[in-house]
Amino acid sequence: MGCISKLGLFILNFVVFAVGVAIVALASIIINKDSDYGNLLLSKGMFTVPVIVLIIGLIIVIIGFLGCCGALKENSCMLKTYAFIVAVLLISQIVLGILLLVYSQKAEDVIKDGMEEVFEGYGKEDLALTKSIDQIQHDLKCCGVSNYTDWRELGQGNDVTIGCCKNQTDECFIGMVTKPPLVATKTIYTEGCFYAIKEDIQSITIGLGVACLILAAVEVMSISCACGIAKKSKHYA
């Protein structure tokens, strides 16, 4: 068996292992946003996809580790099994990527609708939710879901909420819905929280996308290399 092929497969699987660790780290960062946003997004399953990505990342880490072991042991059966598993994973990644592209707008609409439902609970029985919304708006420097005028439909009349105020005073939020953006922005945050949150995690999701592209390329090479070594190997499980 060629030493170069064996070493190449080992290196490729080490890359797979490293990329898997990176995906797990990035997915964990997104999931950790739950501590920042509370039930604002979790109620609509905002973090379902990152959890799935986290699980896939863990699987990739395990596959990378097993692939390294398979390359060292030079076992034909193990290498063929490894190649099959990686091929299935690759196909799954492609399908998931297509689904995310096709349904990305629908997913955003579902998340936005969920946020509106949560914001409608402001000032009602759940005092903890009210405080949470105010805190989120102040921390993220946002107001409403799409923009500050949302609070009219969300039941606040011509007022926004105190969490929208840059400097929170007793009257800073009164009548702000009727103010034009250039005037309102002097006192309150005018950007919607949906877009603030989307921007907050955008760099992380881009990192996930790049990691997945690198992983897909490495997986194709790994499958080819594993099959090549398996054909030359005389060892069977």
Protein backbone atom coordinates (compact mmCIF):
# COMPACT_ATOMS: atom_id res chain seq x y z
CA MET A 1 0.00 0.00 0.00
CA GLY A 2 1.29 3.44 -0.86
CA CYS A 3 2.57 5.31 2.15
CA ILE A 4 1.58 8.61 0.52
CA SER A 5 -2.05 7.51 0.15
CA LYS A 6 -2.15 6.33 3.74
CA LEU A 7 -0.63 9.58 5.00
CA GLY A 8 -2.94 11.59 2.73
CA LEU A 9 -6.06 9.90 4.12
CA PHE A 10 -4.83 10.45 7.66
CA ILE A 11 -4.26 14.16 6.98
CA LEU A 12 -7.66 14.52 5.28
CA ASN A 13 -9.41 12.94 8.24
CA PHE A 14 -7.50 15.12 10.64
CA VAL A 15 -8.86 18.10 8.65
CA VAL A 16 -12.36 16.57 8.89
CA PHE A 17 -11.87 16.23 12.65
CA ALA A 18 -10.69 19.86 12.94
CA VAL A 19 -13.57 21.19 10.83
CA GLY A 20 -16.01 19.14 12.93
CA VAL A 21 -14.63 20.76 16.07
CA ALA A 22 -15.03 24.20 14.45
CA ILE A 23 -18.66 23.45 13.50
CA VAL A 24 -19.41 22.28 17.04
CA ALA A 25 -17.86 25.47 18.44
CA LEU A 26 -19.79 27.78 16.10
CA ALA A 27 -23.10 25.96 16.65
CA SER A 28 -22.53 26.13 20.40
CA ILE A 29 -22.01 29.90 20.19
CA ILE A 30 -25.34 30.33 18.40
CA ILE A 31 -27.13 28.07 20.89
CA ASN A 32 -25.54 30.06 23.71
CA LYS A 33 -27.42 33.11 22.38
CA ASP A 34 -30.42 31.59 24.16
CA SER A 35 -28.99 33.03 27.37
CA ASP A 36 -29.00 36.47 25.72
CA TYR A 37 -32.39 36.32 24.01
CA GLY A 38 -34.28 34.10 26.46
CA ASN A 39 -37.67 32.86 25.23
CA LEU A 40 -37.86 35.54 22.56
CA LEU A 41 -36.77 33.12 19.83
CA LEU A 42 -36.78 29.75 21.51
CA SER A 43 -40.59 29.65 21.51
CA LYS A 44 -40.55 29.30 17.71
CA GLY A 45 -37.71 26.84 17.50
CA MET A 46 -35.13 29.38 16.35
CA PHE A 47 -32.36 27.19 17.69
CA THR A 48 -33.57 23.91 16.17
CA VAL A 49 -31.26 24.22 13.15
CA PRO A 50 -28.13 25.07 15.23
CA VAL A 51 -28.87 22.06 17.46
CA ILE A 52 -29.04 19.85 14.36
CA VAL A 53 -25.79 21.38 13.11
CA LEU A 54 -24.22 20.74 16.53
CA ILE A 55 -25.20 17.06 16.37
CA ILE A 56 -23.85 16.80 12.81
CA GLY A 57 -20.64 18.45 13.98
CA LEU A 58 -20.24 15.87 16.74
CA ILE A 59 -20.82 13.08 14.20
CA ILE A 60 -18.18 14.64 11.93
CA VAL A 61 -15.70 14.72 14.82
CA ILE A 62 -16.29 11.02 15.48
CA ILE A 63 -16.04 10.13 11.78
CA GLY A 64 -12.79 12.08 11.46
CA PHE A 65 -11.35 10.23 14.43
CA LEU A 66 -12.44 6.82 13.12
CA GLY A 67 -11.12 7.70 9.66
CA CYS A 68 -7.69 8.39 11.12
CA CYS A 69 -7.79 5.03 12.87
CA GLY A 70 -8.92 3.29 9.68
CA ALA A 71 -6.05 4.81 7.72
CA LEU A 72 -3.54 3.63 10.30
CA LYS A 73 -4.96 0.10 10.52
CA GLU A 74 -5.18 -0.25 6.70
CA ASN A 75 -8.33 -2.34 7.04
CA SER A 76 -10.22 -2.66 3.73
CA CYS A 77 -13.62 -3.39 5.29
CA MET A 78 -13.25 -0.51 7.74
CA LEU A 79 -12.19 1.87 4.97
CA LYS A 80 -15.14 0.91 2.74
CA THR A 81 -17.55 1.35 5.64
CA TYR A 82 -15.95 4.70 6.40
CA ALA A 83 -16.28 5.79 2.75
CA PHE A 84 -19.97 4.80 2.75
CA ILE A 85 -20.69 6.74 5.96
CA VAL A 86 -18.90 9.84 4.67
CA ALA A 87 -20.81 9.60 1.37
CA VAL A 88 -24.13 9.48 3.26
CA LEU A 89 -23.02 12.45 5.38
CA LEU A 90 -22.02 14.38 2.27
CA ILE A 91 -25.39 13.76 0.62
CA SER A 92 -27.15 14.82 3.84
CA GLN A 93 -25.15 18.06 3.93
CA ILE A 94 -26.06 18.83 0.32
CA VAL A 95 -29.77 18.17 0.98
CA LEU A 96 -29.70 20.29 4.15
CA GLY A 97 -27.95 23.11 2.31
CA ILE A 98 -30.55 23.04 -0.48
CA LEU A 99 -33.41 23.05 2.03
CA LEU A 100 -31.90 26.01 3.88
CA LEU A 101 -31.57 27.95 0.63
CA VAL A 102 -35.07 27.09 -0.59
CA TYR A 103 -36.86 27.72 2.69
CA SER A 104 -34.66 30.48 4.16
CA GLN A 105 -37.28 33.20 3.57
CA LYS A 106 -40.05 31.02 4.98
CA ALA A 107 -37.92 30.32 8.05
CA GLU A 108 -37.35 34.06 8.55
CA ASP A 109 -41.10 34.69 8.27
CA VAL A 110 -41.84 32.02 10.88
CA ILE A 111 -39.25 33.50 13.25
CA LYS A 112 -40.58 37.03 12.75
CA ASP A 113 -44.17 35.88 13.37
CA GLY A 114 -43.01 34.15 16.54
CA MET A 115 -41.30 37.31 17.76
CA GLU A 116 -44.47 39.30 17.14
CA GLU A 117 -46.45 36.82 19.25
CA VAL A 118 -43.92 37.18 22.06
CA PHE A 119 -43.92 41.00 21.85
CA GLU A 120 -47.71 41.02 22.02
CA GLY A 121 -47.38 39.69 25.57
CA TYR A 122 -45.63 42.88 26.68
CA GLY A 123 -47.25 44.59 29.64
CA LYS A 124 -49.64 41.72 30.38
CA GLU A 125 -49.66 38.99 33.01
CA ASP A 126 -46.07 37.83 32.49
CA LEU A 127 -43.99 40.53 34.16
CA ALA A 128 -40.79 38.57 33.58
CA LEU A 129 -41.46 38.58 29.83
CA THR A 130 -42.06 42.34 29.89
CA LYS A 131 -38.76 42.96 31.66
CA SER A 132 -37.00 40.55 29.30
CA ILE A 133 -38.28 42.37 26.20
CA ASP A 134 -37.22 45.73 27.59
CA GLN A 135 -33.78 44.38 28.46
CA ILE A 136 -33.31 42.77 25.04
CA GLN A 137 -34.30 45.96 23.24
CA HIS A 138 -31.94 48.06 25.33
CA ASP A 139 -29.01 45.61 25.04
CA LEU A 140 -29.40 45.07 21.29
CA LYS A 141 -30.25 48.74 20.68
CA CYS A 142 -33.46 47.87 18.86
CA CYS A 143 -37.18 48.58 19.12
CA GLY A 144 -40.13 46.45 18.02
CA VAL A 145 -39.81 43.52 15.63
CA SER A 146 -39.31 45.21 12.24
CA ASN A 147 -38.97 48.78 13.58
CA TYR A 148 -40.21 51.04 16.35
CA THR A 149 -43.61 51.67 14.71
CA ASP A 150 -44.54 48.02 15.36
CA TRP A 151 -45.56 48.96 18.89
CA ARG A 152 -48.74 50.57 17.54
CA GLU A 153 -49.96 47.18 16.30
CA LEU A 154 -48.51 45.49 19.38
CA GLY A 155 -50.92 47.35 21.65
CA GLN A 156 -48.97 50.39 22.86
CA GLY A 157 -50.83 53.00 20.83
CA ASN A 158 -48.56 55.91 19.95
CA ASP A 159 -45.98 54.90 22.54
CA VAL A 160 -43.04 52.55 22.32
CA THR A 161 -41.67 50.80 25.42
CA ILE A 162 -39.09 52.08 27.86
CA GLY A 163 -36.62 49.46 26.64
CA CYS A 164 -36.42 51.34 23.34
CA CYS A 165 -35.08 54.49 25.01
CA LYS A 166 -31.42 55.34 24.72
CA ASN A 167 -31.62 57.13 28.06
CA GLN A 168 -34.47 55.66 30.07
CA THR A 169 -36.64 58.34 31.67
CA ASP A 170 -40.30 58.43 32.71
CA GLU A 171 -41.47 60.01 29.45
CA CYS A 172 -38.81 58.99 26.89
CA PHE A 173 -41.12 56.49 25.15
CA ILE A 174 -44.33 58.54 25.01
CA GLY A 175 -45.65 59.39 21.53
CA MET A 176 -42.54 58.11 19.77
CA VAL A 177 -44.47 55.98 17.24
CA THR A 178 -45.78 59.16 15.59
CA LYS A 179 -42.31 60.68 15.26
CA PRO A 180 -40.44 60.39 11.92
CA PRO A 181 -37.28 58.24 12.05
CA LEU A 182 -34.86 61.19 12.00
CA VAL A 183 -36.59 62.69 15.02
CA ALA A 184 -37.26 59.46 16.90
CA THR A 185 -33.67 58.22 16.58
CA LYS A 186 -32.51 61.08 18.81
CA THR A 187 -34.39 59.55 21.73
CA ILE A 188 -35.01 55.88 20.96
CA TYR A 189 -33.58 52.99 18.95
CA THR A 190 -35.52 52.64 15.71
CA GLU A 191 -34.14 49.42 14.19
CA GLY A 192 -36.23 46.27 14.66
CA CYS A 193 -34.98 43.52 16.97
CA PHE A 194 -35.41 40.86 14.29
CA TYR A 195 -32.78 42.55 12.12
CA ALA A 196 -30.55 43.30 15.11
CA ILE A 197 -30.52 39.63 16.10
CA LYS A 198 -30.05 38.54 12.49
CA GLU A 199 -27.03 40.82 12.18
CA ASP A 200 -25.69 39.66 15.53
CA ILE A 201 -25.44 36.02 14.42
CA GLN A 202 -24.75 36.63 10.71
CA SER A 203 -20.96 36.39 10.99
CA ILE A 204 -21.29 33.10 12.87
CA THR A 205 -23.62 31.60 10.28
CA ILE A 206 -21.24 32.69 7.50
CA GLY A 207 -18.47 30.88 9.37
CA LEU A 208 -20.63 27.77 9.50
CA GLY A 209 -21.25 27.98 5.77
CA VAL A 210 -17.53 28.30 4.98
CA ALA A 211 -16.71 25.39 7.30
CA CYS A 212 -19.33 23.21 5.58
CA LEU A 213 -17.94 24.04 2.12
CA ILE A 214 -14.42 23.12 3.22
CA LEU A 215 -15.73 19.96 4.81
CA ALA A 216 -17.59 18.92 1.64
CA ALA A 217 -14.43 19.27 -0.46
CA VAL A 218 -12.39 17.30 2.07
CA GLU A 219 -15.05 14.60 2.26
CA VAL A 220 -14.98 14.06 -1.52
CA MET A 221 -11.20 13.62 -1.39
CA SER A 222 -11.48 11.34 1.65
CA ILE A 223 -13.99 9.06 -0.09
CA SER A 224 -11.77 8.80 -3.16
CA CYS A 225 -8.64 8.15 -1.12
CA ALA A 226 -10.31 5.58 1.17
CA CYS A 227 -11.72 3.63 -1.79
CA GLY A 228 -8.31 3.67 -3.49
CA ILE A 229 -6.54 2.35 -0.42
CA ALA A 230 -9.24 -0.27 0.20
CA LYS A 231 -8.74 -1.72 -3.29
CA LYS A 232 -5.01 -2.11 -2.70
CA SER A 233 -5.34 -3.50 0.79
CA LYS A 234 -5.07 -7.23 1.42
CA HIS A 235 -6.41 -6.96 4.96
CA TYR A 236 -10.10 -7.69 5.57
CA ALA A 237 -12.09 -7.39 8.75
